[in-house]
């Protein structure tokens, strides 16, 4: 399993149970993306309203393509991913992103 490293930045609401958190990451093109979903969707420690935010979490993803993007500021390898495995999407409805390879982990 592959996870995109992200940060849970705040507790959003207690409802629906077990509670919602806001999670963000910045893609390979320096654009920030935001997810809001139930905290168990994100790998990492249990999150609560009184957790010390930000907290590093992971988003389960599928790798769609790998390669090197000339559009990135550095020439690091980039990976196109989908966050669809858990039905997750960004606040504006996106499920596919281009990220730096070093933003991914297997644990």
PDB file of N, CA and C in Angstrom:
ATOM      1  N   UNK A   1       0.838  -1.181   0.000  1.00  0.00           N
ATOM      2  CA  UNK A   1       0.000   0.000   0.000  1.00  0.00           C
ATOM      3  C   UNK A   1       0.885   1.247   0.000  1.00  0.00           C
ATOM      4  N   UNK A   2       0.450   2.239  -0.742  1.00  0.00           N
ATOM      5  CA  UNK A   2       1.186   3.490  -0.861  1.00  0.00           C
ATOM      6  C   UNK A   2       0.335   4.611  -0.278  1.00  0.00           C
ATOM      7  N   UNK A   3       0.995   5.487   0.480  1.00  0.00           N
ATOM      8  CA  UNK A   3       0.307   6.605   1.114  1.00  0.00           C
ATOM      9  C   UNK A   3       0.964   7.923   0.715  1.00  0.00           C
ATOM     10  N   UNK A   4       0.142   8.943   0.516  1.00  0.00           N
ATOM     11  CA  UNK A   4       0.602  10.303   0.297  1.00  0.00           C
ATOM     12  C   UNK A   4       0.732  10.976   1.654  1.00  0.00           C
ATOM     13  N   UNK A   5       1.918  11.506   1.947  1.00  0.00           N
ATOM     14  CA  UNK A   5       2.117  12.210   3.225  1.00  0.00           C
ATOM     15  C   UNK A   5       1.378  13.547   3.190  1.00  0.00           C
ATOM     16  N   UNK A   6       0.608  13.787   4.229  1.00  0.00           N
ATOM     17  CA  UNK A   6      -0.187  15.010   4.355  1.00  0.00           C
ATOM     18  C   UNK A   6      -0.132  15.478   5.804  1.00  0.00           C
ATOM     19  N   UNK A   7      -0.782  16.611   6.068  1.00  0.00           N
ATOM     20  CA  UNK A   7      -0.898  17.108   7.441  1.00  0.00           C
ATOM     21  C   UNK A   7      -2.358  17.341   7.782  1.00  0.00           C
ATOM     22  N   UNK A   8      -2.779  16.752   8.892  1.00  0.00           N
ATOM     23  CA  UNK A   8      -4.077  17.105   9.459  1.00  0.00           C
ATOM     24  C   UNK A   8      -3.858  18.431  10.173  1.00  0.00           C
ATOM     25  N   UNK A   9      -4.606  19.451   9.791  1.00  0.00           N
ATOM     26  CA  UNK A   9      -4.348  20.789  10.323  1.00  0.00           C
ATOM     27  C   UNK A   9      -5.357  21.246  11.366  1.00  0.00           C
ATOM     28  N   UNK A  10      -6.549  20.617  11.376  1.00  0.00           N
ATOM     29  CA  UNK A  10      -7.518  21.004  12.405  1.00  0.00           C
ATOM     30  C   UNK A  10      -8.666  20.009  12.465  1.00  0.00           C
ATOM     31  N   UNK A  11      -9.301  19.998  13.628  1.00  0.00           N
ATOM     32  CA  UNK A  11     -10.527  19.233  13.829  1.00  0.00           C
ATOM     33  C   UNK A  11     -11.655  20.094  13.277  1.00  0.00           C
ATOM     34  N   UNK A  12     -12.522  19.516  12.431  1.00  0.00           N
ATOM     35  CA  UNK A  12     -13.598  20.287  11.817  1.00  0.00           C
ATOM     36  C   UNK A  12     -14.890  20.192  12.620  1.00  0.00           C
ATOM     37  N   UNK A  13     -15.296  18.962  12.962  1.00  0.00           N
ATOM     38  CA  UNK A  13     -16.573  18.795  13.653  1.00  0.00           C
ATOM     39  C   UNK A  13     -16.641  17.395  14.266  1.00  0.00           C
ATOM     40  N   UNK A  14     -17.442  17.263  15.313  1.00  0.00           N
ATOM     41  CA  UNK A  14     -17.654  15.962  15.952  1.00  0.00           C
ATOM     42  C   UNK A  14     -18.627  15.094  15.160  1.00  0.00           C
ATOM     43  N   UNK A  15     -19.457  15.697  14.338  1.00  0.00           N
ATOM     44  CA  UNK A  15     -20.450  14.973  13.543  1.00  0.00           C
ATOM     45  C   UNK A  15     -20.118  15.095  12.075  1.00  0.00           C
ATOM     46  N   UNK A  16     -20.297  14.076  11.272  1.00  0.00           N
ATOM     47  CA  UNK A  16     -20.745  12.750  11.699  1.00  0.00           C
ATOM     48  C   UNK A  16     -19.644  12.020  12.450  1.00  0.00           C
ATOM     49  N   UNK A  17     -20.068  11.082  13.270  1.00  0.00           N
ATOM     50  CA  UNK A  17     -19.127  10.290  14.046  1.00  0.00           C
ATOM     51  C   UNK A  17     -18.237   9.497  13.101  1.00  0.00           C
ATOM     52  N   UNK A  18     -16.986   9.313  13.368  1.00  0.00           N
ATOM     53  CA  UNK A  18     -16.251   9.615  14.592  1.00  0.00           C
ATOM     54  C   UNK A  18     -15.605  10.996  14.602  1.00  0.00           C
ATOM     55  N   UNK A  19     -15.966  11.867  13.689  1.00  0.00           N
ATOM     56  CA  UNK A  19     -15.429  13.222  13.653  1.00  0.00           C
ATOM     57  C   UNK A  19     -14.689  13.498  12.357  1.00  0.00           C
ATOM     58  N   UNK A  20     -14.710  14.779  11.962  1.00  0.00           N
ATOM     59  CA  UNK A  20     -14.088  15.212  10.711  1.00  0.00           C
ATOM     60  C   UNK A  20     -12.825  16.015  10.974  1.00  0.00           C
ATOM     61  N   UNK A  21     -11.815  15.814  10.110  1.00  0.00           N
ATOM     62  CA  UNK A  21     -10.587  16.602  10.170  1.00  0.00           C
ATOM     63  C   UNK A  21     -10.309  17.216   8.805  1.00  0.00           C
ATOM     64  N   UNK A  22      -9.562  18.305   8.825  1.00  0.00           N
ATOM     65  CA  UNK A  22      -9.093  18.946   7.603  1.00  0.00           C
ATOM     66  C   UNK A  22      -7.653  18.542   7.376  1.00  0.00           C
ATOM     67  N   UNK A  23      -7.369  18.057   6.182  1.00  0.00           N
ATOM     68  CA  UNK A  23      -6.041  17.564   5.825  1.00  0.00           C
ATOM     69  C   UNK A  23      -5.581  18.283   4.571  1.00  0.00           C
ATOM     70  N   UNK A  24      -4.289  18.670   4.544  1.00  0.00           N
ATOM     71  CA  UNK A  24      -3.748  19.408   3.399  1.00  0.00           C
ATOM     72  C   UNK A  24      -2.439  18.797   2.913  1.00  0.00           C
ATOM     73  N   UNK A  25      -2.153  19.046   1.631  1.00  0.00           N
ATOM     74  CA  UNK A  25      -0.844  18.736   1.080  1.00  0.00           C
ATOM     75  C   UNK A  25      -0.596  19.676  -0.087  1.00  0.00           C
ATOM     76  N   UNK A  26       0.667  19.791  -0.477  1.00  0.00           N
ATOM     77  CA  UNK A  26       1.068  20.620  -1.609  1.00  0.00           C
ATOM     78  C   UNK A  26       1.603  19.699  -2.692  1.00  0.00           C
ATOM     79  N   UNK A  27       1.090  19.851  -3.922  1.00  0.00           N
ATOM     80  CA  UNK A  27       1.486  18.957  -5.001  1.00  0.00           C
ATOM     81  C   UNK A  27       2.832  19.352  -5.610  1.00  0.00           C
ATOM     82  N   UNK A  28       3.241  18.655  -6.660  1.00  0.00           N
ATOM     83  CA  UNK A  28       4.536  18.895  -7.306  1.00  0.00           C
ATOM     84  C   UNK A  28       4.608  20.253  -7.981  1.00  0.00           C
ATOM     85  N   UNK A  29       3.460  20.895  -8.173  1.00  0.00           N
ATOM     86  CA  UNK A  29       3.407  22.210  -8.825  1.00  0.00           C
ATOM     87  C   UNK A  29       3.155  23.328  -7.820  1.00  0.00           C
ATOM     88  N   UNK A  30       3.350  23.020  -6.538  1.00  0.00           N
ATOM     89  CA  UNK A  30       3.241  23.974  -5.433  1.00  0.00           C
ATOM     90  C   UNK A  30       1.814  24.469  -5.203  1.00  0.00           C
ATOM     91  N   UNK A  31       0.833  23.688  -5.618  1.00  0.00           N
ATOM     92  CA  UNK A  31      -0.564  24.020  -5.346  1.00  0.00           C
ATOM     93  C   UNK A  31      -1.010  23.238  -4.129  1.00  0.00           C
ATOM     94  N   UNK A  32      -1.677  23.933  -3.207  1.00  0.00           N
ATOM     95  CA  UNK A  32      -2.153  23.276  -1.994  1.00  0.00           C
ATOM     96  C   UNK A  32      -3.557  22.722  -2.219  1.00  0.00           C
ATOM     97  N   UNK A  33      -3.782  21.523  -1.690  1.00  0.00           N
ATOM     98  CA  UNK A  33      -5.061  20.840  -1.796  1.00  0.00           C
ATOM     99  C   UNK A  33      -5.560  20.489  -0.403  1.00  0.00           C
ATOM    100  N   UNK A  34      -6.877  20.476  -0.245  1.00  0.00           N
ATOM    101  CA  UNK A  34      -7.490  20.230   1.057  1.00  0.00           C
ATOM    102  C   UNK A  34      -8.539  19.138   0.951  1.00  0.00           C
ATOM    103  N   UNK A  35      -8.523  18.247   1.958  1.00  0.00           N
ATOM    104  CA  UNK A  35      -9.539  17.218   2.114  1.00  0.00           C
ATOM    105  C   UNK A  35     -10.212  17.432   3.460  1.00  0.00           C
ATOM    106  N   UNK A  36     -11.489  17.131   3.556  1.00  0.00           N
ATOM    107  CA  UNK A  36     -12.190  17.062   4.838  1.00  0.00           C
ATOM    108  C   UNK A  36     -12.944  15.745   4.840  1.00  0.00           C
ATOM    109  N   UNK A  37     -12.625  14.914   5.825  1.00  0.00           N
ATOM    110  CA  UNK A  37     -13.291  13.607   5.907  1.00  0.00           C
ATOM    111  C   UNK A  37     -13.162  13.075   7.333  1.00  0.00           C
ATOM    112  N   UNK A  38     -13.797  11.933   7.578  1.00  0.00           N
ATOM    113  CA  UNK A  38     -13.697  11.283   8.887  1.00  0.00           C
ATOM    114  C   UNK A  38     -12.245  10.919   9.145  1.00  0.00           C
ATOM    115  N   UNK A  39     -11.784  11.150  10.362  1.00  0.00           N
ATOM    116  CA  UNK A  39     -10.360  10.979  10.653  1.00  0.00           C
ATOM    117  C   UNK A  39      -9.830   9.574  10.384  1.00  0.00           C
ATOM    118  N   UNK A  40     -10.608   8.467  10.534  1.00  0.00           N
ATOM    119  CA  UNK A  40     -10.023   7.152  10.264  1.00  0.00           C
ATOM    120  C   UNK A  40      -9.639   6.920   8.797  1.00  0.00           C
ATOM    121  N   UNK A  41     -10.117   7.761   7.873  1.00  0.00           N
ATOM    122  CA  UNK A  41      -9.745   7.636   6.467  1.00  0.00           C
ATOM    123  C   UNK A  41      -8.245   7.879   6.283  1.00  0.00           C
ATOM    124  N   UNK A  42      -7.650   8.633   7.190  1.00  0.00           N
ATOM    125  CA  UNK A  42      -6.247   9.012   7.090  1.00  0.00           C
ATOM    126  C   UNK A  42      -5.402   8.138   8.001  1.00  0.00           C
ATOM    127  N   UNK A  43      -4.294   7.593   7.467  1.00  0.00           N
ATOM    128  CA  UNK A  43      -3.425   6.751   8.285  1.00  0.00           C
ATOM    129  C   UNK A  43      -2.675   7.606   9.290  1.00  0.00           C
ATOM    130  N   UNK A  44      -2.231   6.989  10.351  1.00  0.00           N
ATOM    131  CA  UNK A  44      -1.500   7.706  11.392  1.00  0.00           C
ATOM    132  C   UNK A  44      -2.165   7.472  12.729  1.00  0.00           C
ATOM    133  N   UNK A  45      -1.893   8.382  13.649  1.00  0.00           N
ATOM    134  CA  UNK A  45      -2.442   8.213  14.987  1.00  0.00           C
ATOM    135  C   UNK A  45      -3.913   8.593  15.037  1.00  0.00           C
ATOM    136  N   UNK A  46      -4.589   8.154  16.111  1.00  0.00           N
ATOM    137  CA  UNK A  46      -5.975   8.553  16.318  1.00  0.00           C
ATOM    138  C   UNK A  46      -6.022  10.063  16.512  1.00  0.00           C
ATOM    139  N   UNK A  47      -6.974  10.707  15.861  1.00  0.00           N
ATOM    140  CA  UNK A  47      -7.107  12.153  15.981  1.00  0.00           C
ATOM    141  C   UNK A  47      -8.339  12.495  16.805  1.00  0.00           C
ATOM    142  N   UNK A  48      -8.239  13.595  17.542  1.00  0.00           N
ATOM    143  CA  UNK A  48      -9.303  14.054  18.424  1.00  0.00           C
ATOM    144  C   UNK A  48      -9.348  15.572  18.367  1.00  0.00           C
ATOM    145  N   UNK A  49     -10.403  16.183  18.884  1.00  0.00           N
ATOM    146  CA  UNK A  49     -10.462  17.645  18.890  1.00  0.00           C
ATOM    147  C   UNK A  49      -9.281  18.288  19.609  1.00  0.00           C
ATOM    148  N   UNK A  50      -8.745  17.605  20.626  1.00  0.00           N
ATOM    149  CA  UNK A  50      -7.649  18.191  21.398  1.00  0.00           C
ATOM    150  C   UNK A  50      -6.271  17.692  20.970  1.00  0.00           C
ATOM    151  N   UNK A  51      -6.178  17.019  19.806  1.00  0.00           N
ATOM    152  CA  UNK A  51      -4.864  16.623  19.280  1.00  0.00           C
ATOM    153  C   UNK A  51      -4.041  17.869  19.013  1.00  0.00           C
ATOM    154  N   UNK A  52      -2.739  17.724  19.058  1.00  0.00           N
ATOM    155  CA  UNK A  52      -1.843  18.849  18.805  1.00  0.00           C
ATOM    156  C   UNK A  52      -1.586  18.953  17.295  1.00  0.00           C
ATOM    157  N   UNK A  53      -2.332  19.832  16.636  1.00  0.00           N
ATOM    158  CA  UNK A  53      -2.231  19.997  15.186  1.00  0.00           C
ATOM    159  C   UNK A  53      -1.132  20.981  14.832  1.00  0.00           C
ATOM    160  N   UNK A  54      -0.465  20.830  13.680  1.00  0.00           N
ATOM    161  CA  UNK A  54      -0.677  19.819  12.643  1.00  0.00           C
ATOM    162  C   UNK A  54      -0.098  18.467  13.032  1.00  0.00           C
ATOM    163  N   UNK A  55      -0.685  17.418  12.451  1.00  0.00           N
ATOM    164  CA  UNK A  55      -0.274  16.036  12.681  1.00  0.00           C
ATOM    165  C   UNK A  55      -0.032  15.388  11.317  1.00  0.00           C
ATOM    166  N   UNK A  56       1.106  14.718  11.158  1.00  0.00           N
ATOM    167  CA  UNK A  56       1.358  14.035   9.893  1.00  0.00           C
ATOM    168  C   UNK A  56       0.437  12.832   9.764  1.00  0.00           C
ATOM    169  N   UNK A  57      -0.219  12.717   8.616  1.00  0.00           N
ATOM    170  CA  UNK A  57      -1.107  11.598   8.308  1.00  0.00           C
ATOM    171  C   UNK A  57      -0.812  11.145   6.885  1.00  0.00           C
ATOM    172  N   UNK A  58      -1.419  10.062   6.487  1.00  0.00           N
ATOM    173  CA  UNK A  58      -1.261   9.567   5.126  1.00  0.00           C
ATOM    174  C   UNK A  58      -2.602   9.328   4.471  1.00  0.00           C
ATOM    175  N   UNK A  59      -2.626   9.471   3.153  1.00  0.00           N
ATOM    176  CA  UNK A  59      -3.812   9.196   2.360  1.00  0.00           C
ATOM    177  C   UNK A  59      -3.484   8.010   1.451  1.00  0.00           C
ATOM    178  N   UNK A  60      -4.255   6.949   1.564  1.00  0.00           N
ATOM    179  CA  UNK A  60      -4.067   5.790   0.702  1.00  0.00           C
ATOM    180  C   UNK A  60      -4.271   6.214  -0.747  1.00  0.00           C
ATOM    181  N   UNK A  61      -3.344   5.801  -1.619  1.00  0.00           N
ATOM    182  CA  UNK A  61      -3.453   6.210  -3.016  1.00  0.00           C
ATOM    183  C   UNK A  61      -2.999   5.101  -3.950  1.00  0.00           C
ATOM    184  N   UNK A  62      -3.429   5.235  -5.190  1.00  0.00           N
ATOM    185  CA  UNK A  62      -2.983   4.362  -6.271  1.00  0.00           C
ATOM    186  C   UNK A  62      -2.021   5.155  -7.138  1.00  0.00           C
ATOM    187  N   UNK A  63      -0.939   4.515  -7.564  1.00  0.00           N
ATOM    188  CA  UNK A  63      -0.007   5.158  -8.485  1.00  0.00           C
ATOM    189  C   UNK A  63      -0.514   4.935  -9.902  1.00  0.00           C
ATOM    190  N   UNK A  64      -0.701   6.039 -10.635  1.00  0.00           N
ATOM    191  CA  UNK A  64      -1.198   5.959 -12.006  1.00  0.00           C
ATOM    192  C   UNK A  64      -0.055   5.966 -13.012  1.00  0.00           C
ATOM    193  N   UNK A  65       0.886   6.898 -12.850  1.00  0.00           N
ATOM    194  CA  UNK A  65       2.059   6.971 -13.723  1.00  0.00           C
ATOM    195  C   UNK A  65       3.227   7.525 -12.936  1.00  0.00           C
ATOM    196  N   UNK A  66       4.424   7.215 -13.390  1.00  0.00           N
ATOM    197  CA  UNK A  66       5.631   7.807 -12.825  1.00  0.00           C
ATOM    198  C   UNK A  66       6.386   8.468 -13.959  1.00  0.00           C
ATOM    199  N   UNK A  67       7.200   9.443 -13.604  1.00  0.00           N
ATOM    200  CA  UNK A  67       7.962  10.132 -14.635  1.00  0.00           C
ATOM    201  C   UNK A  67       8.680  11.321 -14.073  1.00  0.00           C
ATOM    202  N   UNK A  68       9.109  12.174 -14.955  1.00  0.00           N
ATOM    203  CA  UNK A  68       9.819  13.381 -14.563  1.00  0.00           C
ATOM    204  C   UNK A  68       9.120  14.542 -15.206  1.00  0.00           C
ATOM    205  N   UNK A  69       8.744  15.530 -14.406  1.00  0.00           N
ATOM    206  CA  UNK A  69       8.014  16.677 -14.914  1.00  0.00           C
ATOM    207  C   UNK A  69       8.920  17.878 -15.054  1.00  0.00           C
ATOM    208  N   UNK A  70       8.917  18.486 -16.223  1.00  0.00           N
ATOM    209  CA  UNK A  70       9.721  19.693 -16.452  1.00  0.00           C
ATOM    210  C   UNK A  70       9.092  20.898 -15.764  1.00  0.00           C
ATOM    211  N   UNK A  71       7.842  20.771 -15.318  1.00  0.00           N
ATOM    212  CA  UNK A  71       7.149  21.902 -14.701  1.00  0.00           C
ATOM    213  C   UNK A  71       7.498  22.095 -13.236  1.00  0.00           C
ATOM    214  N   UNK A  72       8.134  21.115 -12.608  1.00  0.00           N
ATOM    215  CA  UNK A  72       8.450  21.250 -11.193  1.00  0.00           C
ATOM    216  C   UNK A  72       9.678  22.113 -11.010  1.00  0.00           C
ATOM    217  N   UNK A  73       9.731  22.828  -9.895  1.00  0.00           N
ATOM    218  CA  UNK A  73      10.837  23.743  -9.626  1.00  0.00           C
ATOM    219  C   UNK A  73      12.161  22.994  -9.561  1.00  0.00           C
ATOM    220  N   UNK A  74      12.164  21.857  -8.907  1.00  0.00           N
ATOM    221  CA  UNK A  74      13.347  21.015  -8.934  1.00  0.00           C
ATOM    222  C   UNK A  74      13.050  19.884  -9.928  1.00  0.00           C
ATOM    223  N   UNK A  75      14.019  19.121 -10.269  1.00  0.00           N
ATOM    224  CA  UNK A  75      13.813  18.080 -11.280  1.00  0.00           C
ATOM    225  C   UNK A  75      13.550  16.725 -10.638  1.00  0.00           C
ATOM    226  N   UNK A  76      12.978  16.739  -9.454  1.00  0.00           N
ATOM    227  CA  UNK A  76      12.666  15.485  -8.756  1.00  0.00           C
ATOM    228  C   UNK A  76      11.647  14.685  -9.556  1.00  0.00           C
ATOM    229  N   UNK A  77      11.729  13.378  -9.418  1.00  0.00           N
ATOM    230  CA  UNK A  77      10.748  12.518 -10.072  1.00  0.00           C
ATOM    231  C   UNK A  77       9.360  12.835  -9.550  1.00  0.00           C
ATOM    232  N   UNK A  78       8.395  12.787 -10.449  1.00  0.00           N
ATOM    233  CA  UNK A  78       7.012  13.019 -10.063  1.00  0.00           C
ATOM    234  C   UNK A  78       6.200  11.764 -10.318  1.00  0.00           C
ATOM    235  N   UNK A  79       5.086  11.688  -9.619  1.00  0.00           N
ATOM    236  CA  UNK A  79       4.207  10.533  -9.701  1.00  0.00           C
ATOM    237  C   UNK A  79       2.784  11.053  -9.792  1.00  0.00           C
ATOM    238  N   UNK A  80       2.007  10.517 -10.719  1.00  0.00           N
ATOM    239  CA  UNK A  80       0.588  10.851 -10.785  1.00  0.00           C
ATOM    240  C   UNK A  80      -0.146   9.815  -9.954  1.00  0.00           C
ATOM    241  N   UNK A  81      -0.964  10.295  -9.010  1.00  0.00           N
ATOM    242  CA  UNK A  81      -1.667   9.408  -8.088  1.00  0.00           C
ATOM    243  C   UNK A  81      -3.165   9.657  -8.132  1.00  0.00           C
ATOM    244  N   UNK A  82      -3.899   8.690  -7.619  1.00  0.00           N
ATOM    245  CA  UNK A  82      -5.334   8.831  -7.399  1.00  0.00           C
ATOM    246  C   UNK A  82      -5.604   8.541  -5.932  1.00  0.00           C
ATOM    247  N   UNK A  83      -6.457   9.352  -5.313  1.00  0.00           N
ATOM    248  CA  UNK A  83      -6.833   9.128  -3.915  1.00  0.00           C
ATOM    249  C   UNK A  83      -8.195   8.440  -3.819  1.00  0.00           C
ATOM    250  N   UNK A  84      -8.612   7.806  -4.915  1.00  0.00           N
ATOM    251  CA  UNK A  84      -9.919   7.166  -4.984  1.00  0.00           C
ATOM    252  C   UNK A  84     -10.094   5.896  -4.142  1.00  0.00           C
ATOM    253  N   UNK A  85      -9.013   5.185  -3.703  1.00  0.00           N
ATOM    254  CA  UNK A  85      -9.245   3.919  -3.004  1.00  0.00           C
ATOM    255  C   UNK A  85     -10.223   4.000  -1.829  1.00  0.00           C
ATOM    256  N   UNK A  86     -10.258   5.113  -1.088  1.00  0.00           N
ATOM    257  CA  UNK A  86     -11.190   5.265   0.028  1.00  0.00           C
ATOM    258  C   UNK A  86     -12.340   6.190  -0.317  1.00  0.00           C
ATOM    259  N   UNK A  87     -12.490   6.530  -1.604  1.00  0.00           N
ATOM    260  CA  UNK A  87     -13.568   7.427  -2.007  1.00  0.00           C
ATOM    261  C   UNK A  87     -13.284   8.877  -1.648  1.00  0.00           C
ATOM    262  N   UNK A  88     -12.033   9.211  -1.421  1.00  0.00           N
ATOM    263  CA  UNK A  88     -11.651  10.555  -1.012  1.00  0.00           C
ATOM    264  C   UNK A  88     -11.540  11.456  -2.232  1.00  0.00           C
ATOM    265  N   UNK A  89     -11.847  12.742  -2.040  1.00  0.00           N
ATOM    266  CA  UNK A  89     -11.618  13.745  -3.072  1.00  0.00           C
ATOM    267  C   UNK A  89     -11.347  15.076  -2.395  1.00  0.00           C
ATOM    268  N   UNK A  90     -10.641  15.957  -3.119  1.00  0.00           N
ATOM    269  CA  UNK A  90     -10.342  17.278  -2.559  1.00  0.00           C
ATOM    270  C   UNK A  90     -11.644  18.074  -2.439  1.00  0.00           C
ATOM    271  N   UNK A  91     -11.582  19.204  -1.738  1.00  0.00           N
ATOM    272  CA  UNK A  91     -12.782  20.015  -1.565  1.00  0.00           C
ATOM    273  C   UNK A  91     -13.380  20.457  -2.895  1.00  0.00           C
ATOM    274  N   UNK A  92     -12.541  20.583  -3.931  1.00  0.00           N
ATOM    275  CA  UNK A  92     -13.084  20.968  -5.230  1.00  0.00           C
ATOM    276  C   UNK A  92     -13.272  19.780  -6.170  1.00  0.00           C
ATOM    277  N   UNK A  93     -13.310  18.566  -5.617  1.00  0.00           N
ATOM    278  CA  UNK A  93     -13.708  17.397  -6.378  1.00  0.00           C
ATOM    279  C   UNK A  93     -12.624  16.642  -7.114  1.00  0.00           C
ATOM    280  N   UNK A  94     -11.360  17.011  -6.940  1.00  0.00           N
ATOM    281  CA  UNK A  94     -10.272  16.303  -7.642  1.00  0.00           C
ATOM    282  C   UNK A  94      -9.895  15.025  -6.913  1.00  0.00           C
ATOM    283  N   UNK A  95      -9.524  14.001  -7.721  1.00  0.00           N
ATOM    284  CA  UNK A  95      -9.046  12.747  -7.134  1.00  0.00           C
ATOM    285  C   UNK A  95      -7.669  12.375  -7.659  1.00  0.00           C
ATOM    286  N   UNK A  96      -7.182  13.056  -8.703  1.00  0.00           N
ATOM    287  CA  UNK A  96      -5.868  12.764  -9.265  1.00  0.00           C
ATOM    288  C   UNK A  96      -4.955  13.963  -9.098  1.00  0.00           C
ATOM    289  N   UNK A  97      -3.690  13.670  -8.721  1.00  0.00           N
ATOM    290  CA  UNK A  97      -2.726  14.725  -8.439  1.00  0.00           C
ATOM    291  C   UNK A  97      -1.347  14.281  -8.902  1.00  0.00           C
ATOM    292  N   UNK A  98      -0.507  15.247  -9.227  1.00  0.00           N
ATOM    293  CA  UNK A  98       0.895  14.966  -9.516  1.00  0.00           C
ATOM    294  C   UNK A  98       1.699  15.419  -8.309  1.00  0.00           C
ATOM    295  N   UNK A  99       2.428  14.485  -7.706  1.00  0.00           N
ATOM    296  CA  UNK A  99       3.183  14.772  -6.505  1.00  0.00           C
ATOM    297  C   UNK A  99       4.647  14.373  -6.712  1.00  0.00           C
ATOM    298  N   UNK A 100       5.514  14.862  -5.829  1.00  0.00           N
ATOM    299  CA  UNK A 100       6.907  14.431  -5.852  1.00  0.00           C
ATOM    300  C   UNK A 100       6.985  13.008  -5.288  1.00  0.00           C
ATOM    301  N   UNK A 101       7.868  12.218  -5.833  1.00  0.00           N
ATOM    302  CA  UNK A 101       8.024  10.837  -5.380  1.00  0.00           C
ATOM    303  C   UNK A 101       8.334  10.768  -3.883  1.00  0.00           C
ATOM    304  N   UNK A 102       9.069  11.762  -3.359  1.00  0.00           N
ATOM    305  CA  UNK A 102       9.416  11.724  -1.934  1.00  0.00           C
ATOM    306  C   UNK A 102       8.244  12.060  -1.012  1.00  0.00           C
ATOM    307  N   UNK A 103       7.080  12.388  -1.574  1.00  0.00           N
ATOM    308  CA  UNK A 103       5.887  12.627  -0.770  1.00  0.00           C
ATOM    309  C   UNK A 103       5.126  11.326  -0.488  1.00  0.00           C
ATOM    310  N   UNK A 104       5.596  10.228  -1.068  1.00  0.00           N
ATOM    311  CA  UNK A 104       4.913   8.945  -0.906  1.00  0.00           C
ATOM    312  C   UNK A 104       5.682   8.046   0.059  1.00  0.00           C
ATOM    313  N   UNK A 105       4.941   7.220   0.757  1.00  0.00           N
ATOM    314  CA  UNK A 105       5.536   6.272   1.681  1.00  0.00           C
ATOM    315  C   UNK A 105       4.746   4.975   1.628  1.00  0.00           C
ATOM    316  N   UNK A 106       5.348   3.909   2.095  1.00  0.00           N
ATOM    317  CA  UNK A 106       4.644   2.623   2.143  1.00  0.00           C
ATOM    318  C   UNK A 106       4.255   2.238   3.566  1.00  0.00           C
ATOM    319  N   UNK A 107       4.397   3.171   4.490  1.00  0.00           N
ATOM    320  CA  UNK A 107       3.997   2.863   5.878  1.00  0.00           C
ATOM    321  C   UNK A 107       3.267   4.011   6.506  1.00  0.00           C
TER     322      UNK A 107
END
